Structures are given as C-alpha cells and as structure tokens.
Amino acid sequence: MHPDLMGMMTSMEPVPRSRPLYSIPAALARLQKYIDLPRNTREAITLFYQRFDLGILLYLYRRIFPDDYATSQASEEIDPDWNYSPREVEFLEMVDDRLFPLDLHFMSEAGANGDRATEMIYLVPYAMPWWYDAFEGLSLGWQALRLLSGTMTSDEAPQLVATMDRLSPAGRTRLLAASLVMARASPEQFDALRMRFLRRDPPFSGFGQVLALYQYRTGNPWLDTDTDSEILYEGACWCEEHIAEIAQSYQAAQIYEQQVNDFATWLAEDSHRLSQLLALITQELAANDQEAANEV
C-alpha cells in the first residue's frame, strides 16, 4: 500500500455510532398516538367530519364576531356533560341574540344526550300572531284583516264579527258582508286580488302585503314556511354563506312585519279607512271578474 494512503487511514478518527433518538418504550408510546388514524377512505371521511364538527363553531365565532372572540375568556374545552365548550355556547347565544333565533333548547337537550346538533342550523320559527293569537287578543285592525284574509269560514265569520263592539252596527254589517265574500273566493281570485292591491300606492298596497302574509306568498322563508308541516331552512349548514343568508332574510321579515303592523294600525285609526278598504275589495273583485269574462 502506498505510504501516503497508509498515513491517511491511520490518521482518520473512527466514525461514532449513531445513538437512537428514543428508547423502545418511548418509541412505542409515541406510536400509540397514531394507532387510531384511519385505515381506509371511509374511516378518513368519518374522522374528517368529526374534526370539522368539533371546530366549525369556534371557526365561525372568529369569523363573525372577531372582537368578541378575541376578548372572550370562556374555555374552548368541550364539556363532556353537555358536548359543547363554554366558548361555543357563547357563540350560539350571540347568534341567537344578534342575528336570528336559534332553537337553543333543542340544541341543549341534544348536547345532554351526546349529540352536538350541528348537522344543520336549528331555528325557532317566526312568531306569527296574525295566525296564532286568539281573535279577541288582536288589535281592531288585525281583527278586520284576519276576517278579510279568506282564512275564516262562512260559519266562523258571523260569530267573530259579532264580538267586535268597537265597530258600529253598520260597520260590522259591511265587514261581515265582505268577509263572507272573501271566505267564498277561489284561490285564483285571491291571487289576482293580492296582485291588484300590491300594485296600488300606499297605504292600501298594505292590504296586498297582508294577503301575501296569509297566503304564504311573501317570498321570505321566515314568513312563508308553514311550520306545522315544514322545517324552516331545512338543510342549512353551519357556514358563513348560510348564516349570512338566514340573517338577511330574518331582518327582511322583521321589516315586512313592521309594515303590515303599521297598515293594521292605520286602518283602525279611522272607521272611514276600513269602509274605503271594503269598497276597494268589492271594486277589485268586480274588475277581476270582468277581465276573466272578457278573456272567455
């Protein structure tokens, strides 16, 4: 061997043997953390949805109410007895208070039973006193409008009109006659009457809004959903797009309700206004019948 090569070999320091990063028990303990990772596509999708469900409310809290989230002191740890964290509850209460009414009672019960109830947005249906309040509890304006809505039968109308002591006998007679006409009107006549009044100038265009309300034809889900047979915003998910849409339509429903309440109040302030409305109903029905006859 060449002397120079011999010198290089003898001068080289031995390469130190690499030391293991973990002892065997430590390595096994570290691997244990990954033992529950998904082994196939189905398990991976299931895990994804679980992680999504556990993070979506806090993500939306940060996005929708960033200042409140930044200053919140509530814990993000899930309460095992209720399935929500205190900070998630804080967010849900803000949505209910500031955006639209959530069915927090249902979500609370679901959480107590081990279900987070975040697969869709559960809403409290819109309060509809024009439908559900007792007749005697309504204002005079709303009593007259309910009678003219076509939702009263020919048997119900006379009994209800008889209780309206705030109207004169002549006023009750005219209102009863009009309510009986409306009780017998066909759906086609109602549609035409609604459109005719909506095309009128205020304040009598308000009667078209009232008819749309009773016919579930306002164009607003909050007002047009028959909660006896339908679910409000069924399938709406916890996402920014749906939250914005629901909040916007809820605000629009409140404005619409205020408009028809204003019309009902205006109508009751002067008995001549009710007489005018009754005359216009007769006029518009006659005009519609004449148009239908001309088309034959």
C-alpha atoms as a PDB file:
ATOM      1  CA  MET A   1       0.000   0.000   0.000  1.00  0.00           C
ATOM      2  CA  HIS A   2       1.241   3.469  -0.772  1.00  0.00           C
ATOM      3  CA  PRO A   3       2.789   5.130   2.277  1.00  0.00           C
ATOM      4  CA  ASP A   4       0.659   8.288   1.883  1.00  0.00           C
ATOM      5  CA  LEU A   5      -2.558   6.230   1.830  1.00  0.00           C
ATOM      6  CA  MET A   6      -1.439   4.320   4.894  1.00  0.00           C
ATOM      7  CA  GLY A   7      -0.882   7.635   6.661  1.00  0.00           C
ATOM      8  CA  MET A   8      -4.364   8.927   5.787  1.00  0.00           C
ATOM      9  CA  MET A   9      -6.050   5.764   7.065  1.00  0.00           C
ATOM     10  CA  THR A  10      -4.209   5.769  10.345  1.00  0.00           C
ATOM     11  CA  SER A  11      -4.919   9.473  10.935  1.00  0.00           C
ATOM     12  CA  MET A  12      -8.717   9.231  10.382  1.00  0.00           C
ATOM     13  CA  GLU A  13     -10.808   9.288  13.540  1.00  0.00           C
ATOM     14  CA  PRO A  14     -13.324   6.470  13.959  1.00  0.00           C
ATOM     15  CA  VAL A  15     -16.901   7.355  12.924  1.00  0.00           C
ATOM     16  CA  PRO A  16     -19.057   7.455  16.038  1.00  0.00           C
ATOM     17  CA  ARG A  17     -22.026   5.091  16.080  1.00  0.00           C
ATOM     18  CA  SER A  18     -25.422   6.867  15.849  1.00  0.00           C
ATOM     19  CA  ARG A  19     -27.461   6.817  19.027  1.00  0.00           C
ATOM     20  CA  PRO A  20     -31.181   6.014  18.905  1.00  0.00           C
ATOM     21  CA  LEU A  21     -33.497   9.018  19.274  1.00  0.00           C
ATOM     22  CA  TYR A  22     -35.908   7.115  21.528  1.00  0.00           C
ATOM     23  CA  SER A  23     -35.733   4.109  23.704  1.00  0.00           C
ATOM     24  CA  ILE A  24     -38.026   1.281  22.652  1.00  0.00           C
ATOM     25  CA  PRO A  25     -40.665   2.064  25.343  1.00  0.00           C
ATOM     26  CA  ALA A  26     -40.601   5.761  24.380  1.00  0.00           C
ATOM     27  CA  ALA A  27     -40.954   4.921  20.686  1.00  0.00           C
ATOM     28  CA  LEU A  28     -43.910   2.625  21.363  1.00  0.00           C
ATOM     29  CA  ALA A  29     -45.557   5.281  23.489  1.00  0.00           C
ATOM     30  CA  ARG A  30     -45.113   7.807  20.654  1.00  0.00           C
ATOM     31  CA  LEU A  31     -46.553   5.409  18.060  1.00  0.00           C
ATOM     32  CA  GLN A  32     -49.561   4.820  20.311  1.00  0.00           C
ATOM     33  CA  LYS A  33     -50.741   8.334  19.444  1.00  0.00           C
ATOM     34  CA  TYR A  34     -51.219   7.299  15.826  1.00  0.00           C
ATOM     35  CA  ILE A  35     -52.894   3.957  16.406  1.00  0.00           C
ATOM     36  CA  ASP A  36     -56.355   5.438  15.792  1.00  0.00           C
ATOM     37  CA  LEU A  37     -55.527   7.027  12.455  1.00  0.00           C
ATOM     38  CA  PRO A  38     -57.947   5.999   9.650  1.00  0.00           C
ATOM     39  CA  ARG A  39     -57.031   2.842   7.765  1.00  0.00           C
ATOM     40  CA  ASN A  40     -59.275   3.375   4.750  1.00  0.00           C
ATOM     41  CA  THR A  41     -61.244   6.072   2.911  1.00  0.00           C
ATOM     42  CA  ARG A  42     -64.443   5.585   4.909  1.00  0.00           C
ATOM     43  CA  GLU A  43     -62.635   5.963   8.226  1.00  0.00           C
ATOM     44  CA  ALA A  44     -60.788   9.017   6.884  1.00  0.00           C
ATOM     45  CA  ILE A  45     -64.053  10.707   5.857  1.00  0.00           C
ATOM     46  CA  THR A  46     -65.595   9.917   9.248  1.00  0.00           C
ATOM     47  CA  LEU A  47     -62.601  11.413  11.054  1.00  0.00           C
ATOM     48  CA  PHE A  48     -62.726  14.494   8.838  1.00  0.00           C
ATOM     49  CA  TYR A  49     -66.354  15.163   9.725  1.00  0.00           C
ATOM     50  CA  GLN A  50     -65.649  14.628  13.419  1.00  0.00           C
ATOM     51  CA  ARG A  51     -62.800  17.128  13.335  1.00  0.00           C
ATOM     52  CA  PHE A  52     -64.915  19.542  11.265  1.00  0.00           C
ATOM     53  CA  ASP A  53     -67.806  19.276  13.731  1.00  0.00           C
ATOM     54  CA  LEU A  54     -65.547  19.962  16.694  1.00  0.00           C
ATOM     55  CA  GLY A  55     -64.044  23.057  15.095  1.00  0.00           C
ATOM     56  CA  ILE A  56     -66.741  24.707  12.990  1.00  0.00           C
ATOM     57  CA  LEU A  57     -68.467  26.744  15.726  1.00  0.00           C
ATOM     58  CA  LEU A  58     -65.234  28.236  17.013  1.00  0.00           C
ATOM     59  CA  TYR A  59     -64.106  28.983  13.463  1.00  0.00           C
ATOM     60  CA  LEU A  60     -67.380  30.821  12.785  1.00  0.00           C
ATOM     61  CA  TYR A  61     -67.082  32.664  16.107  1.00  0.00           C
ATOM     62  CA  ARG A  62     -63.694  34.017  14.998  1.00  0.00           C
ATOM     63  CA  ARG A  63     -65.046  34.987  11.575  1.00  0.00           C
ATOM     64  CA  ILE A  64     -68.394  36.538  12.517  1.00  0.00           C
ATOM     65  CA  PHE A  65     -67.654  38.108  15.897  1.00  0.00           C
ATOM     66  CA  PRO A  66     -63.852  38.572  15.826  1.00  0.00           C
ATOM     67  CA  ASP A  67     -63.692  41.253  18.508  1.00  0.00           C
ATOM     68  CA  ASP A  68     -65.829  39.260  20.914  1.00  0.00           C
ATOM     69  CA  TYR A  69     -63.773  36.137  20.248  1.00  0.00           C
ATOM     70  CA  ALA A  70     -60.523  37.997  20.876  1.00  0.00           C
ATOM     71  CA  THR A  71     -61.670  39.259  24.271  1.00  0.00           C
ATOM     72  CA  SER A  72     -63.527  36.122  25.370  1.00  0.00           C
ATOM     73  CA  GLN A  73     -62.279  34.370  28.481  1.00  0.00           C
ATOM     74  CA  ALA A  74     -64.513  31.319  28.012  1.00  0.00           C
ATOM     75  CA  SER A  75     -62.859  27.918  27.742  1.00  0.00           C
ATOM     76  CA  GLU A  76     -62.652  26.074  24.416  1.00  0.00           C
ATOM     77  CA  GLU A  77     -62.599  22.688  26.131  1.00  0.00           C
ATOM     78  CA  ILE A  78     -65.642  20.532  25.445  1.00  0.00           C
ATOM     79  CA  ASP A  79     -67.821  19.989  28.492  1.00  0.00           C
ATOM     80  CA  PRO A  80     -68.306  16.181  28.500  1.00  0.00           C
ATOM     81  CA  ASP A  81     -71.652  16.505  30.236  1.00  0.00           C
ATOM     82  CA  TRP A  82     -73.057  18.816  27.577  1.00  0.00           C
ATOM     83  CA  ASN A  83     -70.977  18.223  24.408  1.00  0.00           C
ATOM     84  CA  TYR A  84     -70.241  21.922  23.819  1.00  0.00           C
ATOM     85  CA  SER A  85     -67.489  24.143  25.097  1.00  0.00           C
ATOM     86  CA  PRO A  86     -68.318  27.319  27.070  1.00  0.00           C
ATOM     87  CA  ARG A  87     -66.953  29.399  24.189  1.00  0.00           C
ATOM     88  CA  GLU A  88     -69.159  27.582  21.683  1.00  0.00           C
ATOM     89  CA  VAL A  89     -72.159  28.286  23.901  1.00  0.00           C
ATOM     90  CA  GLU A  90     -71.106  31.926  23.992  1.00  0.00           C
ATOM     91  CA  PHE A  91     -71.109  32.000  20.173  1.00  0.00           C
ATOM     92  CA  LEU A  92     -74.511  30.314  19.880  1.00  0.00           C
ATOM     93  CA  GLU A  93     -76.035  32.813  22.304  1.00  0.00           C
ATOM     94  CA  MET A  94     -74.605  35.699  20.258  1.00  0.00           C
ATOM     95  CA  VAL A  95     -76.129  34.304  17.056  1.00  0.00           C
ATOM     96  CA  ASP A  96     -79.472  33.960  18.833  1.00  0.00           C
ATOM     97  CA  ASP A  97     -79.286  37.492  20.249  1.00  0.00           C
ATOM     98  CA  ARG A  98     -77.813  39.384  17.291  1.00  0.00           C
ATOM     99  CA  LEU A  99     -78.658  37.519  14.085  1.00  0.00           C
ATOM    100  CA  PHE A 100     -81.673  35.184  14.266  1.00  0.00           C
ATOM    101  CA  PRO A 101     -83.475  32.974  16.805  1.00  0.00           C
ATOM    102  CA  LEU A 102     -81.815  29.602  17.353  1.00  0.00           C
ATOM    103  CA  ASP A 103     -83.565  26.662  18.940  1.00  0.00           C
ATOM    104  CA  LEU A 104     -81.153  26.652  21.859  1.00  0.00           C
ATOM    105  CA  HIS A 105     -83.477  24.476  23.918  1.00  0.00           C
ATOM    106  CA  PHE A 106     -83.309  21.682  21.334  1.00  0.00           C
ATOM    107  CA  MET A 107     -79.538  22.043  20.950  1.00  0.00           C
ATOM    108  CA  SER A 108     -79.115  21.938  24.724  1.00  0.00           C
ATOM    109  CA  GLU A 109     -81.172  18.765  25.044  1.00  0.00           C
ATOM    110  CA  ALA A 110     -79.286  17.177  22.158  1.00  0.00           C
ATOM    111  CA  GLY A 111     -75.967  18.017  23.801  1.00  0.00           C
ATOM    112  CA  ALA A 112     -77.069  16.497  27.102  1.00  0.00           C
ATOM    113  CA  ASN A 113     -77.891  13.313  25.179  1.00  0.00           C
ATOM    114  CA  GLY A 114     -74.497  13.127  23.477  1.00  0.00           C
ATOM    115  CA  ASP A 115     -75.364  14.836  20.171  1.00  0.00           C
ATOM    116  CA  ARG A 116     -73.915  18.243  19.275  1.00  0.00           C
ATOM    117  CA  ALA A 117     -76.784  19.023  16.859  1.00  0.00           C
ATOM    118  CA  THR A 118     -74.512  20.860  14.419  1.00  0.00           C
ATOM    119  CA  GLU A 119     -75.512  18.924  11.300  1.00  0.00           C
ATOM    120  CA  MET A 120     -77.831  21.809  10.397  1.00  0.00           C
ATOM    121  CA  ILE A 121     -78.921  25.171  11.809  1.00  0.00           C
ATOM    122  CA  TYR A 122     -81.919  24.603  14.070  1.00  0.00           C
ATOM    123  CA  LEU A 123     -84.143  27.672  14.153  1.00  0.00           C
ATOM    124  CA  VAL A 124     -87.105  28.852  16.188  1.00  0.00           C
ATOM    125  CA  PRO A 125     -89.997  29.515  13.761  1.00  0.00           C
ATOM    126  CA  TYR A 126     -91.061  33.106  13.249  1.00  0.00           C
ATOM    127  CA  ALA A 127     -93.734  34.296  15.663  1.00  0.00           C
ATOM    128  CA  MET A 128     -96.947  34.749  13.658  1.00  0.00           C
ATOM    129  CA  PRO A 129     -99.605  36.453  15.781  1.00  0.00           C
ATOM    130  CA  TRP A 130    -101.742  37.090  12.697  1.00  0.00           C
ATOM    131  CA  TRP A 131    -102.176  33.311  12.542  1.00  0.00           C
ATOM    132  CA  TYR A 132    -101.939  32.024  16.074  1.00  0.00           C
ATOM    133  CA  ASP A 133    -103.091  34.728  18.509  1.00  0.00           C
ATOM    134  CA  ALA A 134    -106.659  34.443  19.756  1.00  0.00           C
ATOM    135  CA  PHE A 135    -109.051  36.663  17.805  1.00  0.00           C
ATOM    136  CA  GLU A 136    -110.123  38.624  20.878  1.00  0.00           C
ATOM    137  CA  GLY A 137    -106.472  39.391  21.659  1.00  0.00           C
ATOM    138  CA  LEU A 138    -105.822  41.043  18.293  1.00  0.00           C
ATOM    139  CA  SER A 139    -105.990  44.773  17.669  1.00  0.00           C
ATOM    140  CA  LEU A 140    -109.072  46.058  15.864  1.00  0.00           C
ATOM    141  CA  GLY A 141    -107.083  46.440  12.658  1.00  0.00           C
ATOM    142  CA  TRP A 142    -105.803  42.867  12.761  1.00  0.00           C
ATOM    143  CA  GLN A 143    -109.255  41.521  13.623  1.00  0.00           C
ATOM    144  CA  ALA A 144    -110.625  43.109  10.455  1.00  0.00           C
ATOM    145  CA  LEU A 145    -107.678  41.889   8.380  1.00  0.00           C
ATOM    146  CA  ARG A 146    -107.996  38.322   9.614  1.00  0.00           C
ATOM    147  CA  LEU A 147    -111.670  38.349   8.656  1.00  0.00           C
ATOM    148  CA  LEU A 148    -110.747  39.661   5.202  1.00  0.00           C
ATOM    149  CA  SER A 149    -107.868  37.218   4.723  1.00  0.00           C
ATOM    150  CA  GLY A 150    -110.054  34.396   3.452  1.00  0.00           C
ATOM    151  CA  THR A 151    -108.912  32.107   6.247  1.00  0.00           C
ATOM    152  CA  MET A 152    -112.230  32.331   8.114  1.00  0.00           C
ATOM    153  CA  THR A 153    -115.128  30.066   7.125  1.00  0.00           C
ATOM    154  CA  SER A 154    -118.654  31.322   6.442  1.00  0.00           C
ATOM    155  CA  ASP A 155    -119.679  29.865   9.809  1.00  0.00           C
ATOM    156  CA  GLU A 156    -116.858  31.461  11.787  1.00  0.00           C
ATOM    157  CA  ALA A 157    -117.097  34.981  10.366  1.00  0.00           C
ATOM    158  CA  PRO A 158    -120.541  35.956  11.761  1.00  0.00           C
ATOM    159  CA  GLN A 159    -119.620  34.799  15.267  1.00  0.00           C
ATOM    160  CA  LEU A 160    -116.357  36.758  15.233  1.00  0.00           C
ATOM    161  CA  VAL A 161    -117.816  39.949  13.753  1.00  0.00           C
ATOM    162  CA  ALA A 162    -120.487  39.924  16.465  1.00  0.00           C
ATOM    163  CA  THR A 163    -117.749  40.306  19.114  1.00  0.00           C
ATOM    164  CA  MET A 164    -116.304  43.491  17.553  1.00  0.00           C
ATOM    165  CA  ASP A 165    -118.001  46.047  19.807  1.00  0.00           C
ATOM    166  CA  ARG A 166    -115.565  48.771  18.795  1.00  0.00           C
ATOM    167  CA  LEU A 167    -117.231  48.937  15.360  1.00  0.00           C
ATOM    168  CA  SER A 168    -120.628  50.498  14.768  1.00  0.00           C
ATOM    169  CA  PRO A 169    -123.505  48.148  13.845  1.00  0.00           C
ATOM    170  CA  ALA A 170    -123.355  49.424  10.254  1.00  0.00           C
ATOM    171  CA  GLY A 171    -119.576  48.866  10.216  1.00  0.00           C
ATOM    172  CA  ARG A 172    -119.986  45.301  11.457  1.00  0.00           C
ATOM    173  CA  THR A 173    -122.607  44.629   8.787  1.00  0.00           C
ATOM    174  CA  ARG A 174    -120.322  45.845   5.982  1.00  0.00           C
ATOM    175  CA  LEU A 175    -117.337  43.935   7.361  1.00  0.00           C
ATOM    176  CA  LEU A 176    -119.349  40.722   7.649  1.00  0.00           C
ATOM    177  CA  ALA A 177    -120.578  41.030   4.053  1.00  0.00           C
ATOM    178  CA  ALA A 178    -117.018  41.490   2.784  1.00  0.00           C
ATOM    179  CA  SER A 179    -115.628  38.670   4.947  1.00  0.00           C
ATOM    180  CA  LEU A 180    -118.248  36.261   3.583  1.00  0.00           C
ATOM    181  CA  VAL A 181    -117.278  37.221   0.032  1.00  0.00           C
ATOM    182  CA  MET A 182    -113.616  36.573   0.870  1.00  0.00           C
ATOM    183  CA  ALA A 183    -114.470  33.270   2.562  1.00  0.00           C
ATOM    184  CA  ARG A 184    -116.030  32.053  -0.702  1.00  0.00           C
ATOM    185  CA  ALA A 185    -113.374  33.439  -3.062  1.00  0.00           C
ATOM    186  CA  SER A 186    -111.397  30.953  -5.164  1.00  0.00           C
ATOM    187  CA  PRO A 187    -107.584  30.668  -4.967  1.00  0.00           C
ATOM    188  CA  GLU A 188    -107.381  32.306  -8.408  1.00  0.00           C
ATOM    189  CA  GLN A 189    -109.444  35.263  -7.189  1.00  0.00           C
ATOM    190  CA  PHE A 190    -107.202  35.595  -4.144  1.00  0.00           C
ATOM    191  CA  ASP A 191    -104.052  35.591  -6.262  1.00  0.00           C
ATOM    192  CA  ALA A 192    -105.488  38.251  -8.543  1.00  0.00           C
ATOM    193  CA  LEU A 193    -106.704  40.375  -5.631  1.00  0.00           C
ATOM    194  CA  ARG A 194    -103.327  40.185  -3.922  1.00  0.00           C
ATOM    195  CA  MET A 195    -101.513  41.336  -7.059  1.00  0.00           C
ATOM    196  CA  ARG A 196    -104.033  44.138  -7.696  1.00  0.00           C
ATOM    197  CA  PHE A 197    -103.548  45.581  -4.213  1.00  0.00           C
ATOM    198  CA  LEU A 198     -99.765  45.190  -4.335  1.00  0.00           C
ATOM    199  CA  ARG A 199     -99.767  47.362  -7.449  1.00  0.00           C
ATOM    200  CA  ARG A 200    -101.670  50.106  -5.622  1.00  0.00           C
ATOM    201  CA  ASP A 201     -99.983  53.040  -3.954  1.00  0.00           C
ATOM    202  CA  PRO A 202     -99.601  53.062  -0.171  1.00  0.00           C
ATOM    203  CA  PRO A 203    -101.315  52.805   2.184  1.00  0.00           C
ATOM    204  CA  PHE A 204    -103.750  50.376   0.512  1.00  0.00           C
ATOM    205  CA  SER A 205    -100.907  48.353  -1.025  1.00  0.00           C
ATOM    206  CA  GLY A 206    -100.522  47.185   2.568  1.00  0.00           C
ATOM    207  CA  PHE A 207    -103.613  45.005   2.114  1.00  0.00           C
ATOM    208  CA  GLY A 208    -101.789  43.168  -0.673  1.00  0.00           C
ATOM    209  CA  GLN A 209     -98.938  42.527   1.774  1.00  0.00           C
ATOM    210  CA  VAL A 210    -101.426  41.203   4.320  1.00  0.00           C
ATOM    211  CA  LEU A 211    -102.947  38.802   1.782  1.00  0.00           C
ATOM    212  CA  ALA A 212     -99.440  37.616   0.823  1.00  0.00           C
ATOM    213  CA  LEU A 213     -98.763  37.000   4.502  1.00  0.00           C
ATOM    214  CA  TYR A 214    -101.855  34.839   4.944  1.00  0.00           C
ATOM    215  CA  GLN A 215    -101.202  33.002   1.671  1.00  0.00           C
ATOM    216  CA  TYR A 216     -97.512  32.286   2.471  1.00  0.00           C
ATOM    217  CA  ARG A 217     -96.569  34.260  -0.642  1.00  0.00           C
ATOM    218  CA  THR A 218     -94.292  36.997   0.692  1.00  0.00           C
ATOM    219  CA  GLY A 219     -91.150  35.465  -0.813  1.00  0.00           C
ATOM    220  CA  ASN A 220     -89.495  35.273   2.621  1.00  0.00           C
ATOM    221  CA  PRO A 221     -88.855  31.802   4.121  1.00  0.00           C
ATOM    222  CA  TRP A 222     -89.384  33.078   7.666  1.00  0.00           C
ATOM    223  CA  LEU A 223     -92.916  34.183   6.767  1.00  0.00           C
ATOM    224  CA  ASP A 224     -93.782  31.572   4.114  1.00  0.00           C
ATOM    225  CA  THR A 225     -92.859  28.375   5.987  1.00  0.00           C
ATOM    226  CA  ASP A 226     -95.839  26.516   7.412  1.00  0.00           C
ATOM    227  CA  THR A 227     -94.108  25.166  10.490  1.00  0.00           C
ATOM    228  CA  ASP A 228     -96.927  22.680  11.089  1.00  0.00           C
ATOM    229  CA  SER A 229     -95.724  20.715   8.066  1.00  0.00           C
ATOM    230  CA  GLU A 230     -92.356  22.188   7.040  1.00  0.00           C
ATOM    231  CA  ILE A 231     -88.937  22.803   8.598  1.00  0.00           C
ATOM    232  CA  LEU A 232     -87.596  26.346   8.385  1.00  0.00           C
ATOM    233  CA  TYR A 233     -84.400  26.433   6.296  1.00  0.00           C
ATOM    234  CA  GLU A 234     -84.173  22.652   6.312  1.00  0.00           C
ATOM    235  CA  GLY A 235     -80.651  21.528   5.437  1.00  0.00           C
ATOM    236  CA  ALA A 236     -78.957  24.876   6.085  1.00  0.00           C
ATOM    237  CA  CYS A 237     -75.468  24.180   7.417  1.00  0.00           C
ATOM    238  CA  TRP A 238     -73.185  25.995   9.821  1.00  0.00           C
ATOM    239  CA  CYS A 239     -71.247  28.038   7.260  1.00  0.00           C
ATOM    240  CA  GLU A 240     -70.749  31.741   6.635  1.00  0.00           C
ATOM    241  CA  GLU A 241     -72.861  31.739   3.461  1.00  0.00           C
ATOM    242  CA  HIS A 242     -75.948  30.209   5.066  1.00  0.00           C
ATOM    243  CA  ILE A 243     -75.630  32.264   8.245  1.00  0.00           C
ATOM    244  CA  ALA A 244     -75.495  35.476   6.194  1.00  0.00           C
ATOM    245  CA  GLU A 245     -78.493  34.409   4.091  1.00  0.00           C
ATOM    246  CA  ILE A 246     -80.614  33.468   7.112  1.00  0.00           C
ATOM    247  CA  ALA A 247     -79.700  36.650   8.991  1.00  0.00           C
ATOM    248  CA  GLN A 248     -80.555  38.828   5.986  1.00  0.00           C
ATOM    249  CA  SER A 249     -83.935  37.173   5.412  1.00  0.00           C
ATOM    250  CA  TYR A 250     -84.755  37.380   9.139  1.00  0.00           C
ATOM    251  CA  GLN A 251     -84.096  41.120   9.097  1.00  0.00           C
ATOM    252  CA  ALA A 252     -86.278  41.455   5.978  1.00  0.00           C
ATOM    253  CA  ALA A 253     -89.074  39.509   7.719  1.00  0.00           C
ATOM    254  CA  GLN A 254     -88.958  41.924  10.651  1.00  0.00           C
ATOM    255  CA  ILE A 255     -89.247  44.889   8.278  1.00  0.00           C
ATOM    256  CA  TYR A 256     -92.178  43.241   6.472  1.00  0.00           C
ATOM    257  CA  GLU A 257     -93.933  42.566   9.771  1.00  0.00           C
ATOM    258  CA  GLN A 258     -93.486  46.182  10.816  1.00  0.00           C
ATOM    259  CA  GLN A 259     -95.004  47.351   7.531  1.00  0.00           C
ATOM    260  CA  VAL A 260     -98.149  45.228   7.884  1.00  0.00           C
ATOM    261  CA  ASN A 261     -98.458  46.185  11.563  1.00  0.00           C
ATOM    262  CA  ASP A 262     -98.295  49.835  10.537  1.00  0.00           C
ATOM    263  CA  PHE A 263    -101.053  49.228   7.988  1.00  0.00           C
ATOM    264  CA  ALA A 264    -103.249  47.484  10.574  1.00  0.00           C
ATOM    265  CA  THR A 265    -102.745  50.382  12.993  1.00  0.00           C
ATOM    266  CA  TRP A 266    -103.508  52.974  10.295  1.00  0.00           C
ATOM    267  CA  LEU A 267    -106.647  51.063   9.251  1.00  0.00           C
ATOM    268  CA  ALA A 268    -108.093  51.062  12.781  1.00  0.00           C
ATOM    269  CA  GLU A 269    -107.475  54.749  13.454  1.00  0.00           C
ATOM    270  CA  ASP A 270    -110.460  55.879  11.373  1.00  0.00           C
ATOM    271  CA  SER A 271    -113.599  53.883  10.558  1.00  0.00           C
ATOM    272  CA  HIS A 272    -113.759  55.556   7.137  1.00  0.00           C
ATOM    273  CA  ARG A 273    -110.481  53.843   6.194  1.00  0.00           C
ATOM    274  CA  LEU A 274    -111.994  50.432   6.754  1.00  0.00           C
ATOM    275  CA  SER A 275    -115.007  51.472   4.691  1.00  0.00           C
ATOM    276  CA  GLN A 276    -112.645  52.551   1.912  1.00  0.00           C
ATOM    277  CA  LEU A 277    -110.839  49.217   2.022  1.00  0.00           C
ATOM    278  CA  LEU A 278    -114.106  47.266   1.831  1.00  0.00           C
ATOM    279  CA  ALA A 279    -115.193  49.344  -1.164  1.00  0.00           C
ATOM    280  CA  LEU A 280    -111.849  48.755  -2.899  1.00  0.00           C
ATOM    281  CA  ILE A 281    -112.097  44.996  -2.330  1.00  0.00           C
ATOM    282  CA  THR A 282    -115.525  44.956  -3.972  1.00  0.00           C
ATOM    283  CA  GLN A 283    -114.204  47.103  -6.802  1.00  0.00           C
ATOM    284  CA  GLU A 284    -111.127  44.980  -7.455  1.00  0.00           C
ATOM    285  CA  LEU A 285    -113.043  41.696  -7.337  1.00  0.00           C
ATOM    286  CA  ALA A 286    -115.563  43.052  -9.834  1.00  0.00           C
ATOM    287  CA  ALA A 287    -112.784  44.286 -12.128  1.00  0.00           C
ATOM    288  CA  ASN A 288    -111.057  40.919 -11.954  1.00  0.00           C
ATOM    289  CA  ASP A 289    -114.288  39.054 -12.745  1.00  0.00           C
ATOM    290  CA  GLN A 290    -114.884  41.385 -15.704  1.00  0.00           C
ATOM    291  CA  GLU A 291    -111.379  40.742 -17.042  1.00  0.00           C
ATOM    292  CA  ALA A 292    -111.857  36.995 -16.671  1.00  0.00           C
ATOM    293  CA  ALA A 293    -115.171  37.204 -18.534  1.00  0.00           C
ATOM    294  CA  ASN A 294    -113.596  39.207 -21.364  1.00  0.00           C
ATOM    295  CA  GLU A 295    -110.919  36.539 -21.807  1.00  0.00           C
ATOM    296  CA  VAL A 296    -113.524  33.801 -22.380  1.00  0.00           C
END
